[in-house]
C-alpha atoms as a PDB file:
ATOM      1  CA  MET A   1      13.193 -23.372   9.454  1.00  0.00           C
ATOM      2  CA  ASN A   2      16.863 -22.440   9.172  1.00  0.00           C
ATOM      3  CA  ALA A   3      18.188 -19.281   7.517  1.00  0.00           C
ATOM      4  CA  ASP A   4      18.984 -20.984   4.191  1.00  0.00           C
ATOM      5  CA  GLU A   5      15.484 -22.489   3.960  1.00  0.00           C
ATOM      6  CA  ARG A   6      13.941 -19.112   4.761  1.00  0.00           C
ATOM      7  CA  GLU A   7      16.020 -17.392   2.081  1.00  0.00           C
ATOM      8  CA  THR A   8      15.164 -20.042  -0.519  1.00  0.00           C
ATOM      9  CA  ALA A   9      11.436 -19.826   0.263  1.00  0.00           C
ATOM     10  CA  TYR A  10      11.538 -16.035   0.043  1.00  0.00           C
ATOM     11  CA  ARG A  11      13.461 -15.997  -3.244  1.00  0.00           C
ATOM     12  CA  ARG A  12      11.217 -18.586  -4.895  1.00  0.00           C
ATOM     13  CA  PHE A  13       8.120 -16.698  -3.761  1.00  0.00           C
ATOM     14  CA  ARG A  14       9.436 -13.435  -5.193  1.00  0.00           C
ATOM     15  CA  ASP A  15      10.188 -15.246  -8.464  1.00  0.00           C
ATOM     16  CA  ALA A  16       6.722 -16.819  -8.650  1.00  0.00           C
ATOM     17  CA  VAL A  17       4.726 -13.709  -7.700  1.00  0.00           C
ATOM     18  CA  ASN A  18       5.163 -11.311 -10.601  1.00  0.00           C
ATOM     19  CA  MET A  19       2.346  -8.928  -9.710  1.00  0.00           C
ATOM     20  CA  ASN A  20       2.999  -6.014  -7.376  1.00  0.00           C
ATOM     21  CA  VAL A  21       0.721  -5.032  -4.483  1.00  0.00           C
ATOM     22  CA  ARG A  22      -1.198  -2.445  -6.486  1.00  0.00           C
ATOM     23  CA  GLN A  23      -1.778  -4.777  -9.451  1.00  0.00           C
ATOM     24  CA  LEU A  24      -2.862  -7.642  -7.214  1.00  0.00           C
ATOM     25  CA  GLU A  25      -5.218  -5.512  -5.125  1.00  0.00           C
ATOM     26  CA  ARG A  26      -6.852  -4.110  -8.251  1.00  0.00           C
ATOM     27  CA  TRP A  27      -7.167  -7.623  -9.700  1.00  0.00           C
ATOM     28  CA  LEU A  28      -8.676  -9.057  -6.502  1.00  0.00           C
ATOM     29  CA  GLY A  29     -11.381  -6.384  -6.661  1.00  0.00           C
ATOM     30  CA  SER A  30     -12.484  -7.468 -10.134  1.00  0.00           C
ATOM     31  CA  ASP A  31     -15.453  -9.652 -11.008  1.00  0.00           C
ATOM     32  CA  GLU A  32     -13.161 -11.962 -12.970  1.00  0.00           C
ATOM     33  CA  SER A  33     -11.028 -12.591  -9.894  1.00  0.00           C
ATOM     34  CA  LYS A  34     -14.066 -13.453  -7.814  1.00  0.00           C
ATOM     35  CA  SER A  35     -15.502 -15.746 -10.497  1.00  0.00           C
ATOM     36  CA  VAL A  36     -12.816 -18.461 -10.329  1.00  0.00           C
ATOM     37  CA  GLY A  37     -11.524 -20.963  -7.822  1.00  0.00           C
ATOM     38  CA  GLN A  38     -12.788 -23.539  -5.390  1.00  0.00           C
ATOM     39  CA  LYS A  39     -15.436 -22.330  -2.959  1.00  0.00           C
ATOM     40  CA  LYS A  40     -17.137 -24.054  -0.040  1.00  0.00           C
ATOM     41  CA  SER A  41     -20.424 -22.426  -1.044  1.00  0.00           C
ATOM     42  CA  THR A  42     -21.679 -20.110  -3.777  1.00  0.00           C
ATOM     43  CA  ARG A  43     -21.244 -17.088  -1.504  1.00  0.00           C
ATOM     44  CA  ALA A  44     -17.876 -18.049  -0.073  1.00  0.00           C
ATOM     45  CA  GLU A  45     -14.560 -16.563  -1.090  1.00  0.00           C
ATOM     46  CA  SER A  46     -12.423 -18.940  -3.154  1.00  0.00           C
ATOM     47  CA  THR A  47      -9.215 -20.417  -1.806  1.00  0.00           C
ATOM     48  CA  GLY A  48      -7.206 -18.539  -4.431  1.00  0.00           C
ATOM     49  CA  HIS A  49      -8.863 -15.218  -3.622  1.00  0.00           C
ATOM     50  CA  GLN A  50      -8.092 -15.713   0.080  1.00  0.00           C
ATOM     51  CA  SER A  51      -4.516 -16.543  -0.856  1.00  0.00           C
ATOM     52  CA  GLY A  52      -4.310 -13.387  -2.962  1.00  0.00           C
ATOM     53  CA  ARG A  53      -5.270 -11.262   0.018  1.00  0.00           C
ATOM     54  CA  ARG A  54      -2.619 -13.002   2.095  1.00  0.00           C
ATOM     55  CA  ILE A  55      -0.032 -12.481  -0.661  1.00  0.00           C
ATOM     56  CA  VAL A  56      -0.768  -8.743  -0.580  1.00  0.00           C
ATOM     57  CA  ALA A  57      -0.011  -8.757   3.153  1.00  0.00           C
ATOM     58  CA  LEU A  58       3.178 -10.774   2.592  1.00  0.00           C
ATOM     59  CA  LEU A  59       4.393  -8.387  -0.094  1.00  0.00           C
ATOM     60  CA  ARG A  60       3.949  -5.502   2.340  1.00  0.00           C
ATOM     61  CA  LYS A  61       6.078  -7.143   5.024  1.00  0.00           C
ATOM     62  CA  ARG A  62       9.782  -6.690   5.356  1.00  0.00           C
ATOM     63  CA  LYS A  63      11.738  -9.889   4.946  1.00  0.00           C
ATOM     64  CA  ALA A  64      12.846  -9.824   8.601  1.00  0.00           C
ATOM     65  CA  GLU A  65       9.198  -9.706   9.745  1.00  0.00           C
ATOM     66  CA  LEU A  66       8.178 -12.946   8.016  1.00  0.00           C
ATOM     67  CA  THR A  67       7.050 -15.734  10.317  1.00  0.00           C
ATOM     68  CA  ASP A  68       7.361 -19.457   9.710  1.00  0.00           C
ATOM     69  CA  ALA A  69       3.626 -19.471   8.877  1.00  0.00           C
ATOM     70  CA  ASP A  70       4.234 -16.729   6.296  1.00  0.00           C
ATOM     71  CA  LEU A  71       7.063 -18.699   4.733  1.00  0.00           C
ATOM     72  CA  SER A  72       4.915 -21.821   4.677  1.00  0.00           C
ATOM     73  CA  HIS A  73       2.252 -19.951   2.713  1.00  0.00           C
ATOM     74  CA  MET A  74       4.921 -18.587   0.397  1.00  0.00           C
ATOM     75  CA  ARG A  75       5.993 -22.157  -0.375  1.00  0.00           C
ATOM     76  CA  LYS A  76       2.349 -23.073  -1.014  1.00  0.00           C
ATOM     77  CA  VAL A  77       2.107 -20.206  -3.525  1.00  0.00           C
ATOM     78  CA  VAL A  78       5.258 -21.356  -5.313  1.00  0.00           C
ATOM     79  CA  GLY A  79       3.878 -24.894  -5.587  1.00  0.00           C
ATOM     80  CA  TYR A  80       0.515 -23.721  -6.884  1.00  0.00           C
ATOM     81  CA  VAL A  81       2.076 -21.496  -9.535  1.00  0.00           C
ATOM     82  CA  ALA A  82       4.447 -24.257 -10.694  1.00  0.00           C
ATOM     83  CA  ARG A  83       1.665 -26.875 -10.943  1.00  0.00           C
ATOM     84  CA  HIS A  84      -0.705 -24.599 -12.822  1.00  0.00           C
ATOM     85  CA  MET A  85       1.916 -23.243 -15.195  1.00  0.00           C
ATOM     86  CA  ALA A  86       2.589 -26.862 -16.192  1.00  0.00           C
ATOM     87  CA  GLN A  87      -1.097 -27.163 -17.150  1.00  0.00           C
ATOM     88  CA  ARG A  88      -1.140 -24.199 -19.526  1.00  0.00           C
ATOM     89  CA  PRO A  89      -3.927 -24.638 -22.091  1.00  0.00           C
ATOM     90  CA  SER A  90      -3.243 -24.152 -25.764  1.00  0.00           C
ATOM     91  CA  GLY A  91      -4.230 -21.005 -27.588  1.00  0.00           C
ATOM     92  CA  ASP A  92      -4.859 -17.512 -26.342  1.00  0.00           C
ATOM     93  CA  VAL A  93      -5.051 -17.570 -22.526  1.00  0.00           C
ATOM     94  CA  ARG A  94      -5.789 -13.865 -22.055  1.00  0.00           C
ATOM     95  CA  GLU A  95      -9.379 -14.309 -20.847  1.00  0.00           C
ATOM     96  CA  THR A  96      -9.298 -17.808 -19.403  1.00  0.00           C
ATOM     97  CA  ARG A  97     -10.183 -19.187 -16.002  1.00  0.00           C
ATOM     98  CA  TRP A  98      -6.689 -20.713 -15.957  1.00  0.00           C
ATOM     99  CA  ARG A  99      -5.054 -17.271 -16.126  1.00  0.00           C
ATOM    100  CA  TYR A 100      -7.532 -15.710 -13.717  1.00  0.00           C
ATOM    101  CA  SER A 101      -6.854 -18.434 -11.172  1.00  0.00           C
ATOM    102  CA  LEU A 102      -3.103 -17.905 -11.407  1.00  0.00           C
ATOM    103  CA  MET A 103      -3.565 -14.161 -11.039  1.00  0.00           C
ATOM    104  CA  ASN A 104      -5.447 -14.730  -7.776  1.00  0.00           C
ATOM    105  CA  TRP A 105      -2.203 -16.334  -6.577  1.00  0.00           C
ATOM    106  CA  GLY A 106      -0.153 -13.303  -7.684  1.00  0.00           C
ATOM    107  CA  HIS A 107       1.157 -14.653 -10.983  1.00  0.00           C
ATOM    108  CA  ASP A 108       0.135 -13.239 -14.341  1.00  0.00           C
ATOM    109  CA  PRO A 109       1.379 -15.703 -16.981  1.00  0.00           C
ATOM    110  CA  LEU A 110       1.285 -12.945 -19.619  1.00  0.00           C
ATOM    111  CA  THR A 111       3.828 -10.829 -17.740  1.00  0.00           C
ATOM    112  CA  ARG A 112       7.416 -11.326 -18.784  1.00  0.00           C
END
C-alpha cells in the first residue's frame, strides 16, 4: 500500500469511527453490545464485537505504527459503516439492533 492509499484509509476510518476509545470500551462492555451481530455459536463473540475490540487497539496506535493489516481492517470498518448507514430504518433508532451493531463498529449514528 503506497503512502496516498495509507493516508486515505486512515482519514476515512477516522471519519467513520465517531466514538472515542473510552466511549467504545464502555459500549463494548454493555449487554446491548453483546446482544447483536453474527455469531458462530450462542456463546461466541460476534464479528462486530471482535471488530470493536480491534478498533479500540487501532485508535490507541500512532499513525506511523499502523501495519498493512491494520489499514485493511480500517477499510473494512469504513465499508461496514457505509453499507449499514444506507440501511437506516425509519423512526426512532435510539434502541435498535441497527444502531447497536453500528456502535460495535465504532460509529454511533446519533452522534453529530
